[in-house]
Amino acid sequence: MLEWLKNINREYPEFWKEYVSKFDHKEKTKRFVILSAETSGLNPQKDVILSLGAVAIINDGVIISDSFDVALLQYIFLHDNGLSNEFLIETKQTKLAEPQAIQAFIEYIGNSILVGHRIDMEVDMINEALEKMHCGRLKNEALDIEIMYKKWKDDYDRPFPLDEMCTDFKISKTDRHTSSEDAYNIALLFLKLKTRLGIH
């Protein structure tokens, strides 16, 4: 069925109406939100988001105080799929149920430009969660650092993992991958690639 047909006469939640209204302004945003999502897999229809980490960039500066870090309480999914919930118990991240986490994330990003590593998959996962909440799809412009990196390297023949790109730019990594740490590393990569590609 066509997407617009599904949306006829749909009554959206207030937070979604407010989000959509932020795109009415003609002036382009100067805020980038660097996003990393930890998921249970790569299938938006079957898998779920386990955590979301994000940090803002304004005027080529990473704004640590303007960040987002949430673990999603996916106990039912983990139980039904025989997966451990140890991560949820041990994490120091704020813990929210999926609808509350997604709403908080939408309120955080506003009309910012999203940046990520293979961002399409993360956008698809968020859109799937939004669909369950009877909302529309993300309206934000999105940039992918892997595509930027391939353009800079002039090498389109293979995928580039985040760790490999970080090593190339001498960005130090920790052994423990969290969505917020990945978001910070993606932010540093984005700034370096912006400079190399002459993007202002």
N, C-alpha and C. Protein backbone atom coordinates (compact mmCIF):
# COMPACT_ATOMS: atom_id res chain seq x y z
N MET A 1 0.85 -1.20 0.00
CA MET A 1 0.00 0.00 0.00
C MET A 1 0.88 1.25 0.00
N LEU A 2 0.46 2.26 -0.69
CA LEU A 2 1.24 3.49 -0.74
C LEU A 2 1.29 4.13 0.63
N GLU A 3 2.47 4.67 0.96
CA GLU A 3 2.69 5.26 2.29
C GLU A 3 1.68 6.36 2.61
N TRP A 4 1.39 7.22 1.62
CA TRP A 4 0.49 8.35 1.91
C TRP A 4 -0.93 7.89 2.18
N LEU A 5 -1.34 6.75 1.60
CA LEU A 5 -2.69 6.24 1.86
C LEU A 5 -2.85 5.81 3.31
N LYS A 6 -1.77 5.22 3.86
CA LYS A 6 -1.81 4.78 5.25
C LYS A 6 -1.94 5.96 6.20
N ASN A 7 -1.45 7.11 5.77
CA ASN A 7 -1.38 8.27 6.66
C ASN A 7 -2.60 9.18 6.59
N ILE A 8 -3.55 8.89 5.69
CA ILE A 8 -4.76 9.71 5.60
C ILE A 8 -5.56 9.57 6.89
N ASN A 9 -5.95 10.70 7.43
CA ASN A 9 -6.76 10.75 8.66
C ASN A 9 -6.07 10.15 9.89
N ARG A 10 -4.77 9.94 9.81
CA ARG A 10 -4.07 9.41 10.98
C ARG A 10 -3.85 10.55 11.98
N GLU A 11 -4.14 10.28 13.22
CA GLU A 11 -3.92 11.27 14.28
C GLU A 11 -2.56 10.97 14.92
N TYR A 12 -1.63 11.89 14.71
CA TYR A 12 -0.28 11.67 15.21
C TYR A 12 -0.13 12.13 16.66
N PRO A 13 0.81 11.52 17.42
CA PRO A 13 1.09 12.00 18.77
C PRO A 13 1.63 13.43 18.74
N GLU A 14 1.44 14.15 19.83
CA GLU A 14 1.85 15.56 19.89
C GLU A 14 3.35 15.74 19.63
N PHE A 15 4.19 14.87 20.21
CA PHE A 15 5.64 15.03 20.02
C PHE A 15 6.01 14.92 18.55
N TRP A 16 5.26 14.09 17.80
CA TRP A 16 5.55 13.92 16.37
C TRP A 16 5.13 15.16 15.58
N LYS A 17 3.98 15.72 15.92
CA LYS A 17 3.54 16.95 15.25
C LYS A 17 4.56 18.07 15.47
N GLU A 18 5.07 18.15 16.70
CA GLU A 18 6.06 19.19 17.01
C GLU A 18 7.34 18.97 16.21
N TYR A 19 7.77 17.71 16.11
CA TYR A 19 8.96 17.35 15.33
C TYR A 19 8.78 17.77 13.87
N VAL A 20 7.66 17.39 13.27
CA VAL A 20 7.40 17.70 11.86
C VAL A 20 7.38 19.20 11.62
N SER A 21 6.85 19.96 12.58
CA SER A 21 6.75 21.42 12.41
C SER A 21 8.12 22.09 12.32
N LYS A 22 9.15 21.42 12.83
CA LYS A 22 10.51 22.00 12.81
C LYS A 22 11.09 22.03 11.40
N PHE A 23 10.45 21.33 10.47
CA PHE A 23 10.95 21.30 9.09
C PHE A 23 10.23 22.32 8.21
N ASP A 24 9.35 23.12 8.82
CA ASP A 24 8.63 24.15 8.07
C ASP A 24 9.52 25.35 7.74
N HIS A 25 10.58 25.54 8.55
CA HIS A 25 11.46 26.70 8.36
C HIS A 25 12.35 26.48 7.14
N LYS A 26 12.53 27.53 6.37
CA LYS A 26 13.35 27.41 5.16
C LYS A 26 14.85 27.45 5.49
N GLU A 27 15.19 28.04 6.62
CA GLU A 27 16.61 28.17 6.98
C GLU A 27 17.19 26.80 7.33
N LYS A 28 18.33 26.47 6.72
CA LYS A 28 18.93 25.15 6.93
C LYS A 28 19.60 25.10 8.31
N THR A 29 19.45 23.97 8.99
CA THR A 29 20.05 23.80 10.30
C THR A 29 21.57 23.74 10.21
N LYS A 30 22.24 24.22 11.26
CA LYS A 30 23.70 24.13 11.32
C LYS A 30 24.14 23.06 12.32
N ARG A 31 23.15 22.32 12.84
CA ARG A 31 23.45 21.30 13.86
C ARG A 31 23.45 19.91 13.21
N PHE A 32 24.55 19.20 13.43
CA PHE A 32 24.65 17.81 13.01
C PHE A 32 24.48 16.94 14.25
N VAL A 33 23.75 15.86 14.13
CA VAL A 33 23.67 14.88 15.21
C VAL A 33 24.31 13.59 14.72
N ILE A 34 25.38 13.20 15.41
CA ILE A 34 26.12 12.00 15.05
C ILE A 34 25.49 10.83 15.81
N LEU A 35 25.04 9.84 15.07
CA LEU A 35 24.22 8.77 15.64
C LEU A 35 24.90 7.42 15.54
N SER A 36 24.78 6.64 16.61
CA SER A 36 25.16 5.23 16.55
C SER A 36 24.11 4.42 17.30
N ALA A 37 23.61 3.39 16.66
CA ALA A 37 22.61 2.52 17.28
C ALA A 37 23.18 1.11 17.42
N GLU A 38 23.01 0.54 18.59
CA GLU A 38 23.34 -0.87 18.78
C GLU A 38 22.04 -1.64 18.60
N THR A 39 22.06 -2.65 17.74
CA THR A 39 20.84 -3.39 17.43
C THR A 39 21.06 -4.89 17.62
N SER A 40 19.97 -5.63 17.67
CA SER A 40 20.07 -7.08 17.83
C SER A 40 20.41 -7.78 16.52
N GLY A 41 20.35 -7.05 15.42
CA GLY A 41 20.63 -7.60 14.09
C GLY A 41 20.37 -6.56 13.04
N LEU A 42 20.32 -6.98 11.78
CA LEU A 42 20.23 -6.02 10.67
C LEU A 42 18.87 -6.02 9.97
N ASN A 43 17.89 -6.69 10.53
CA ASN A 43 16.57 -6.77 9.89
C ASN A 43 15.57 -5.90 10.66
N PRO A 44 15.19 -4.75 10.11
CA PRO A 44 14.29 -3.84 10.84
C PRO A 44 12.95 -4.47 11.22
N GLN A 45 12.49 -5.46 10.44
CA GLN A 45 11.20 -6.09 10.74
C GLN A 45 11.30 -7.09 11.89
N LYS A 46 12.49 -7.68 12.08
CA LYS A 46 12.63 -8.73 13.09
C LYS A 46 13.48 -8.31 14.28
N ASP A 47 14.40 -7.40 14.07
CA ASP A 47 15.33 -7.02 15.13
C ASP A 47 14.89 -5.74 15.83
N VAL A 48 15.59 -5.42 16.93
CA VAL A 48 15.23 -4.24 17.73
C VAL A 48 16.47 -3.41 18.04
N ILE A 49 16.24 -2.17 18.41
CA ILE A 49 17.32 -1.28 18.86
C ILE A 49 17.58 -1.58 20.34
N LEU A 50 18.85 -1.80 20.67
CA LEU A 50 19.23 -2.07 22.06
C LEU A 50 19.73 -0.80 22.76
N SER A 51 20.40 0.06 22.01
CA SER A 51 20.83 1.34 22.60
C SER A 51 21.03 2.38 21.50
N LEU A 52 20.90 3.64 21.89
CA LEU A 52 21.12 4.77 20.99
C LEU A 52 22.11 5.73 21.64
N GLY A 53 23.15 6.07 20.90
CA GLY A 53 24.10 7.07 21.37
C GLY A 53 24.22 8.16 20.32
N ALA A 54 24.30 9.40 20.75
CA ALA A 54 24.41 10.51 19.79
C ALA A 54 25.12 11.68 20.45
N VAL A 55 25.76 12.48 19.61
CA VAL A 55 26.41 13.70 20.08
C VAL A 55 26.27 14.75 18.97
N ALA A 56 26.17 16.01 19.37
CA ALA A 56 25.95 17.09 18.39
C ALA A 56 27.27 17.72 17.96
N ILE A 57 27.28 18.20 16.72
CA ILE A 57 28.37 19.02 16.19
C ILE A 57 27.76 20.33 15.73
N ILE A 58 28.32 21.43 16.22
CA ILE A 58 27.90 22.77 15.78
C ILE A 58 29.17 23.56 15.49
N ASN A 59 29.21 24.22 14.34
CA ASN A 59 30.38 25.02 13.94
C ASN A 59 31.68 24.23 14.05
N ASP A 60 31.67 23.00 13.56
CA ASP A 60 32.85 22.12 13.54
C ASP A 60 33.39 21.79 14.92
N GLY A 61 32.56 21.88 15.94
CA GLY A 61 32.96 21.48 17.28
C GLY A 61 32.03 20.41 17.82
N VAL A 62 32.62 19.37 18.45
CA VAL A 62 31.81 18.32 19.09
C VAL A 62 31.34 18.85 20.43
N ILE A 63 30.03 18.90 20.63
CA ILE A 63 29.45 19.47 21.85
C ILE A 63 29.08 18.31 22.79
N ILE A 64 30.02 17.95 23.67
CA ILE A 64 29.82 16.81 24.57
C ILE A 64 28.60 17.00 25.46
N SER A 65 28.35 18.25 25.85
CA SER A 65 27.20 18.53 26.73
C SER A 65 25.86 18.36 25.99
N ASP A 66 25.91 18.29 24.67
CA ASP A 66 24.70 18.11 23.85
C ASP A 66 24.72 16.69 23.29
N SER A 67 24.45 15.72 24.17
CA SER A 67 24.55 14.32 23.76
C SER A 67 23.32 13.53 24.21
N PHE A 68 23.23 12.31 23.72
CA PHE A 68 22.08 11.44 24.00
C PHE A 68 22.61 10.03 24.18
N ASP A 69 22.19 9.36 25.24
CA ASP A 69 22.73 8.03 25.54
C ASP A 69 21.67 7.23 26.29
N VAL A 70 21.05 6.27 25.62
CA VAL A 70 19.93 5.53 26.21
C VAL A 70 20.00 4.05 25.84
N ALA A 71 19.75 3.20 26.83
CA ALA A 71 19.55 1.77 26.59
C ALA A 71 18.06 1.50 26.56
N LEU A 72 17.63 0.72 25.58
CA LEU A 72 16.20 0.42 25.44
C LEU A 72 15.87 -0.89 26.15
N LEU A 73 14.83 -0.87 26.94
CA LEU A 73 14.43 -2.04 27.71
C LEU A 73 13.70 -3.03 26.78
N GLN A 74 14.46 -3.97 26.27
CA GLN A 74 13.91 -4.94 25.30
C GLN A 74 13.84 -6.33 25.93
N TYR A 75 13.40 -6.40 27.19
CA TYR A 75 13.40 -7.67 27.91
C TYR A 75 12.60 -8.76 27.19
N ILE A 76 11.43 -8.40 26.66
CA ILE A 76 10.57 -9.40 26.01
C ILE A 76 11.27 -9.98 24.78
N PHE A 77 11.85 -9.09 23.94
CA PHE A 77 12.56 -9.56 22.75
C PHE A 77 13.71 -10.47 23.14
N LEU A 78 14.51 -10.05 24.14
CA LEU A 78 15.67 -10.84 24.56
C LEU A 78 15.22 -12.20 25.09
N HIS A 79 14.17 -12.20 25.90
CA HIS A 79 13.66 -13.46 26.47
C HIS A 79 13.14 -14.38 25.37
N ASP A 80 12.34 -13.83 24.46
CA ASP A 80 11.73 -14.64 23.41
C ASP A 80 12.76 -15.22 22.44
N ASN A 81 13.91 -14.56 22.34
CA ASN A 81 14.95 -15.03 21.41
C ASN A 81 16.11 -15.70 22.13
N GLY A 82 15.92 -15.99 23.42
CA GLY A 82 16.95 -16.71 24.19
C GLY A 82 18.25 -15.95 24.33
N LEU A 83 18.16 -14.61 24.37
CA LEU A 83 19.36 -13.78 24.48
C LEU A 83 19.52 -13.27 25.91
N SER A 84 20.75 -13.00 26.30
CA SER A 84 21.04 -12.53 27.65
C SER A 84 20.61 -11.08 27.83
N ASN A 85 20.12 -10.76 29.03
CA ASN A 85 19.79 -9.36 29.34
C ASN A 85 20.84 -8.73 30.25
N GLU A 86 22.01 -9.38 30.31
CA GLU A 86 23.10 -8.91 31.18
C GLU A 86 23.50 -7.47 30.84
N PHE A 87 23.53 -7.17 29.53
CA PHE A 87 23.88 -5.82 29.08
C PHE A 87 22.98 -4.77 29.73
N LEU A 88 21.67 -5.07 29.77
CA LEU A 88 20.72 -4.11 30.34
C LEU A 88 20.91 -3.94 31.84
N ILE A 89 21.28 -5.01 32.50
CA ILE A 89 21.48 -4.95 33.95
C ILE A 89 22.74 -4.16 34.28
N GLU A 90 23.81 -4.37 33.50
CA GLU A 90 25.11 -3.79 33.83
C GLU A 90 25.32 -2.37 33.30
N THR A 91 24.62 -1.99 32.25
CA THR A 91 24.89 -0.69 31.63
C THR A 91 24.59 0.48 32.56
N LYS A 92 25.41 1.52 32.43
CA LYS A 92 25.20 2.75 33.21
C LYS A 92 24.34 3.76 32.44
N GLN A 93 23.95 3.38 31.22
CA GLN A 93 23.10 4.26 30.41
C GLN A 93 21.72 4.42 31.05
N THR A 94 21.08 5.55 30.75
CA THR A 94 19.67 5.72 31.11
C THR A 94 18.87 4.61 30.44
N LYS A 95 17.93 4.01 31.15
CA LYS A 95 17.14 2.90 30.58
C LYS A 95 15.70 3.36 30.39
N LEU A 96 15.20 3.18 29.18
CA LEU A 96 13.82 3.55 28.86
C LEU A 96 13.18 2.46 28.00
N ALA A 97 11.87 2.32 28.12
CA ALA A 97 11.13 1.45 27.21
C ALA A 97 11.22 2.03 25.80
N GLU A 98 11.06 1.19 24.78
CA GLU A 98 11.26 1.64 23.40
C GLU A 98 10.46 2.89 23.04
N PRO A 99 9.16 2.97 23.31
CA PRO A 99 8.42 4.18 22.91
C PRO A 99 8.96 5.46 23.56
N GLN A 100 9.30 5.38 24.84
CA GLN A 100 9.83 6.56 25.54
C GLN A 100 11.22 6.94 25.00
N ALA A 101 12.04 5.93 24.71
CA ALA A 101 13.38 6.18 24.18
C ALA A 101 13.31 6.83 22.80
N ILE A 102 12.45 6.31 21.94
CA ILE A 102 12.32 6.85 20.59
C ILE A 102 11.76 8.27 20.64
N GLN A 103 10.77 8.51 21.49
CA GLN A 103 10.23 9.87 21.62
C GLN A 103 11.31 10.83 22.10
N ALA A 104 12.09 10.43 23.11
CA ALA A 104 13.17 11.28 23.63
C ALA A 104 14.20 11.56 22.53
N PHE A 105 14.49 10.56 21.71
CA PHE A 105 15.46 10.73 20.63
C PHE A 105 14.94 11.70 19.58
N ILE A 106 13.67 11.59 19.21
CA ILE A 106 13.06 12.49 18.23
C ILE A 106 13.10 13.93 18.75
N GLU A 107 12.80 14.10 20.03
CA GLU A 107 12.84 15.44 20.63
C GLU A 107 14.26 15.98 20.66
N TYR A 108 15.24 15.08 20.83
CA TYR A 108 16.66 15.48 20.85
C TYR A 108 17.15 15.91 19.47
N ILE A 109 16.82 15.14 18.43
CA ILE A 109 17.40 15.44 17.11
C ILE A 109 16.75 16.65 16.44
N GLY A 110 15.46 16.88 16.66
CA GLY A 110 14.80 17.98 15.96
C GLY A 110 15.01 17.87 14.46
N ASN A 111 15.37 19.00 13.83
CA ASN A 111 15.57 19.00 12.38
C ASN A 111 17.05 18.90 11.99
N SER A 112 17.89 18.43 12.92
CA SER A 112 19.33 18.32 12.65
C SER A 112 19.63 17.36 11.51
N ILE A 113 20.80 17.53 10.92
CA ILE A 113 21.29 16.60 9.91
C ILE A 113 21.90 15.40 10.64
N LEU A 114 21.46 14.20 10.31
CA LEU A 114 21.98 13.00 10.96
C LEU A 114 23.22 12.50 10.24
N VAL A 115 24.18 12.01 11.01
CA VAL A 115 25.42 11.47 10.45
C VAL A 115 25.69 10.14 11.14
N GLY A 116 26.08 9.13 10.36
CA GLY A 116 26.40 7.85 10.97
C GLY A 116 27.20 6.97 10.03
N HIS A 117 27.54 5.80 10.53
CA HIS A 117 28.24 4.79 9.73
C HIS A 117 27.19 3.78 9.27
N ARG A 118 26.97 3.72 7.96
CA ARG A 118 25.87 2.93 7.39
C ARG A 118 24.54 3.38 7.99
N ILE A 119 24.33 4.67 7.89
CA ILE A 119 23.20 5.35 8.54
C ILE A 119 21.84 4.84 8.05
N ASP A 120 21.77 4.36 6.82
CA ASP A 120 20.48 3.89 6.28
C ASP A 120 19.87 2.81 7.16
N MET A 121 20.71 1.88 7.63
CA MET A 121 20.21 0.79 8.47
C MET A 121 19.65 1.34 9.78
N GLU A 122 20.35 2.31 10.37
CA GLU A 122 19.89 2.87 11.64
C GLU A 122 18.59 3.65 11.45
N VAL A 123 18.51 4.39 10.36
CA VAL A 123 17.27 5.13 10.05
C VAL A 123 16.11 4.15 9.85
N ASP A 124 16.37 3.04 9.15
CA ASP A 124 15.33 2.03 8.94
C ASP A 124 14.84 1.45 10.27
N MET A 125 15.77 1.19 11.18
CA MET A 125 15.40 0.63 12.49
C MET A 125 14.55 1.63 13.28
N ILE A 126 14.94 2.90 13.24
CA ILE A 126 14.17 3.94 13.96
C ILE A 126 12.80 4.11 13.32
N ASN A 127 12.75 4.10 11.98
CA ASN A 127 11.46 4.22 11.29
C ASN A 127 10.52 3.07 11.64
N GLU A 128 11.07 1.88 11.80
CA GLU A 128 10.25 0.72 12.17
C GLU A 128 9.66 0.92 13.57
N ALA A 129 10.49 1.45 14.50
CA ALA A 129 10.00 1.73 15.85
C ALA A 129 8.94 2.83 15.82
N LEU A 130 9.14 3.84 14.98
CA LEU A 130 8.16 4.92 14.85
C LEU A 130 6.83 4.42 14.29
N GLU A 131 6.91 3.47 13.37
CA GLU A 131 5.69 2.89 12.78
C GLU A 131 4.84 2.23 13.87
N LYS A 132 5.51 1.54 14.80
CA LYS A 132 4.79 0.89 15.91
C LYS A 132 4.11 1.92 16.81
N MET A 133 4.63 3.16 16.79
CA MET A 133 4.08 4.23 17.62
C MET A 133 3.07 5.07 16.84
N HIS A 134 2.71 4.63 15.63
CA HIS A 134 1.74 5.33 14.77
C HIS A 134 2.23 6.72 14.38
N CYS A 135 3.53 6.80 14.10
CA CYS A 135 4.13 8.06 13.62
C CYS A 135 4.54 7.88 12.16
N GLY A 136 5.05 8.96 11.57
CA GLY A 136 5.57 8.89 10.21
C GLY A 136 7.01 8.43 10.22
N ARG A 137 7.74 8.78 9.16
CA ARG A 137 9.14 8.40 9.03
C ARG A 137 10.02 9.62 9.27
N LEU A 138 11.27 9.36 9.65
CA LEU A 138 12.21 10.46 9.88
C LEU A 138 12.30 11.36 8.65
N LYS A 139 12.36 12.66 8.89
CA LYS A 139 12.43 13.64 7.80
C LYS A 139 13.82 14.24 7.65
N ASN A 140 14.73 13.91 8.57
CA ASN A 140 16.05 14.53 8.59
C ASN A 140 16.89 14.12 7.39
N GLU A 141 17.69 15.08 6.91
CA GLU A 141 18.74 14.75 5.95
C GLU A 141 19.74 13.85 6.66
N ALA A 142 20.33 12.88 5.94
CA ALA A 142 21.28 11.96 6.57
C ALA A 142 22.54 11.83 5.72
N LEU A 143 23.69 11.81 6.39
CA LEU A 143 24.99 11.65 5.73
C LEU A 143 25.67 10.40 6.27
N ASP A 144 26.36 9.68 5.39
CA ASP A 144 27.03 8.45 5.79
C ASP A 144 28.54 8.63 5.69
N ILE A 145 29.25 8.41 6.81
CA ILE A 145 30.70 8.63 6.77
C ILE A 145 31.41 7.56 5.94
N GLU A 146 30.82 6.38 5.79
CA GLU A 146 31.46 5.37 4.94
C GLU A 146 31.46 5.83 3.49
N ILE A 147 30.36 6.43 3.05
CA ILE A 147 30.29 6.97 1.68
C ILE A 147 31.28 8.12 1.51
N MET A 148 31.37 8.99 2.54
CA MET A 148 32.34 10.09 2.50
C MET A 148 33.77 9.55 2.42
N TYR A 149 34.05 8.52 3.20
CA TYR A 149 35.39 7.92 3.24
C TYR A 149 35.73 7.30 1.89
N LYS A 150 34.77 6.59 1.30
CA LYS A 150 35.00 5.98 -0.02
C LYS A 150 35.29 7.04 -1.07
N LYS A 151 34.58 8.16 -0.98
CA LYS A 151 34.79 9.26 -1.92
C LYS A 151 36.20 9.83 -1.75
N TRP A 152 36.61 10.01 -0.49
CA TRP A 152 37.95 10.55 -0.22
C TRP A 152 39.03 9.59 -0.70
N LYS A 153 38.82 8.29 -0.46
CA LYS A 153 39.80 7.27 -0.86
C LYS A 153 39.71 6.94 -2.35
N ASP A 154 38.60 7.34 -2.98
CA ASP A 154 38.29 6.94 -4.35
C ASP A 154 38.34 5.42 -4.48
N ASP A 155 37.71 4.76 -3.51
CA ASP A 155 37.67 3.30 -3.47
C ASP A 155 36.25 2.88 -3.11
N TYR A 156 35.52 2.44 -4.11
CA TYR A 156 34.10 2.09 -3.92
C TYR A 156 33.87 0.58 -3.97
N ASP A 157 34.97 -0.20 -3.98
CA ASP A 157 34.84 -1.63 -4.25
C ASP A 157 34.61 -2.50 -3.01
N ARG A 158 34.78 -1.93 -1.82
CA ARG A 158 34.63 -2.78 -0.63
C ARG A 158 34.09 -1.97 0.53
N PRO A 159 33.54 -2.65 1.54
CA PRO A 159 33.06 -1.92 2.72
C PRO A 159 34.22 -1.51 3.62
N PHE A 160 34.02 -0.45 4.38
CA PHE A 160 35.03 0.02 5.33
C PHE A 160 34.44 0.01 6.73
N PRO A 161 34.91 -0.93 7.59
CA PRO A 161 34.43 -0.94 8.98
C PRO A 161 34.85 0.33 9.71
N LEU A 162 34.09 0.67 10.73
CA LEU A 162 34.38 1.87 11.53
C LEU A 162 35.79 1.82 12.11
N ASP A 163 36.20 0.65 12.63
CA ASP A 163 37.53 0.52 13.24
C ASP A 163 38.64 0.84 12.24
N GLU A 164 38.48 0.38 11.02
CA GLU A 164 39.51 0.61 9.99
C GLU A 164 39.63 2.10 9.68
N MET A 165 38.51 2.79 9.58
CA MET A 165 38.55 4.23 9.32
C MET A 165 39.18 4.98 10.49
N CYS A 166 38.85 4.57 11.71
CA CYS A 166 39.43 5.21 12.90
C CYS A 166 40.95 5.02 12.92
N THR A 167 41.41 3.80 12.60
CA THR A 167 42.85 3.51 12.57
C THR A 167 43.53 4.38 11.52
N ASP A 168 42.92 4.52 10.36
CA ASP A 168 43.48 5.33 9.28
C ASP A 168 43.69 6.78 9.71
N PHE A 169 42.77 7.30 10.53
CA PHE A 169 42.85 8.69 10.98
C PHE A 169 43.46 8.82 12.38
N LYS A 170 44.02 7.68 12.89
CA LYS A 170 44.68 7.68 14.21
C LYS A 170 43.74 8.14 15.33
N ILE A 171 42.49 7.72 15.24
CA ILE A 171 41.51 7.99 16.30
C ILE A 171 41.52 6.79 17.24
N SER A 172 41.87 7.03 18.51
CA SER A 172 42.00 5.92 19.45
C SER A 172 40.63 5.35 19.79
N LYS A 173 40.61 4.03 19.98
CA LYS A 173 39.36 3.33 20.29
C LYS A 173 39.55 2.55 21.58
N THR A 174 38.45 2.26 22.25
CA THR A 174 38.51 1.39 23.43
C THR A 174 38.06 -0.01 23.01
N ASP A 175 38.39 -0.99 23.83
CA ASP A 175 37.99 -2.37 23.53
C ASP A 175 36.47 -2.53 23.68
N ARG A 176 35.89 -1.68 24.52
CA ARG A 176 34.47 -1.81 24.82
C ARG A 176 33.68 -0.88 23.90
N HIS A 177 32.95 -1.47 22.97
CA HIS A 177 32.16 -0.66 22.03
C HIS A 177 30.80 -0.34 22.66
N THR A 178 30.50 0.93 22.80
CA THR A 178 29.14 1.33 23.17
C THR A 178 28.64 2.28 22.09
N SER A 179 27.34 2.45 22.02
CA SER A 179 26.79 3.32 20.99
C SER A 179 27.28 4.75 21.16
N SER A 180 27.43 5.22 22.40
CA SER A 180 27.87 6.60 22.62
C SER A 180 29.35 6.78 22.26
N GLU A 181 30.19 5.77 22.57
CA GLU A 181 31.60 5.84 22.18
C GLU A 181 31.75 5.82 20.66
N ASP A 182 30.97 4.96 20.02
CA ASP A 182 31.00 4.92 18.55
C ASP A 182 30.54 6.25 17.96
N ALA A 183 29.51 6.85 18.55
CA ALA A 183 29.02 8.15 18.05
C ALA A 183 30.12 9.20 18.15
N TYR A 184 30.87 9.21 19.26
CA TYR A 184 31.96 10.18 19.43
C TYR A 184 33.05 9.95 18.37
N ASN A 185 33.42 8.69 18.14
CA ASN A 185 34.44 8.40 17.12
C ASN A 185 33.95 8.77 15.72
N ILE A 186 32.68 8.52 15.44
CA ILE A 186 32.10 8.90 14.14
C ILE A 186 32.14 10.42 13.99
N ALA A 187 31.89 11.14 15.09
CA ALA A 187 31.94 12.61 15.05
C ALA A 187 33.34 13.09 14.67
N LEU A 188 34.37 12.50 15.28
CA LEU A 188 35.75 12.89 14.95
C LEU A 188 36.07 12.56 13.49
N LEU A 189 35.64 11.39 13.04
CA LEU A 189 35.84 11.01 11.63
C LEU A 189 35.14 11.98 10.69
N PHE A 190 33.92 12.33 11.03
CA PHE A 190 33.13 13.24 10.19
C PHE A 190 33.83 14.58 10.02
N LEU A 191 34.36 15.13 11.12
CA LEU A 191 35.05 16.42 11.04
C LEU A 191 36.29 16.31 10.16
N LYS A 192 37.04 15.22 10.29
CA LYS A 192 38.24 15.04 9.47
C LYS A 192 37.88 14.87 7.99
N LEU A 193 36.84 14.09 7.73
CA LEU A 193 36.42 13.87 6.33
C LEU A 193 35.84 15.13 5.71
N LYS A 194 35.11 15.90 6.52
CA LYS A 194 34.58 17.18 6.01
C LYS A 194 35.72 18.06 5.52
N THR A 195 36.79 18.12 6.31
CA THR A 195 37.95 18.93 5.95
C THR A 195 38.61 18.40 4.69
N ARG A 196 38.84 17.08 4.65
CA ARG A 196 39.51 16.46 3.49
C ARG A 196 38.70 16.66 2.20
N LEU A 197 37.38 16.60 2.32
CA LEU A 197 36.53 16.71 1.13
C LEU A 197 36.13 18.15 0.81
N GLY A 198 36.55 19.09 1.66
CA GLY A 198 36.25 20.50 1.43
C GLY A 198 34.78 20.84 1.60
N ILE A 199 34.10 20.14 2.53
CA ILE A 199 32.69 20.41 2.80
C ILE A 199 32.59 21.46 3.90
N HIS A 200 31.77 22.50 3.68
CA HIS A 200 31.63 23.56 4.69
C HIS A 200 30.21 23.61 5.23
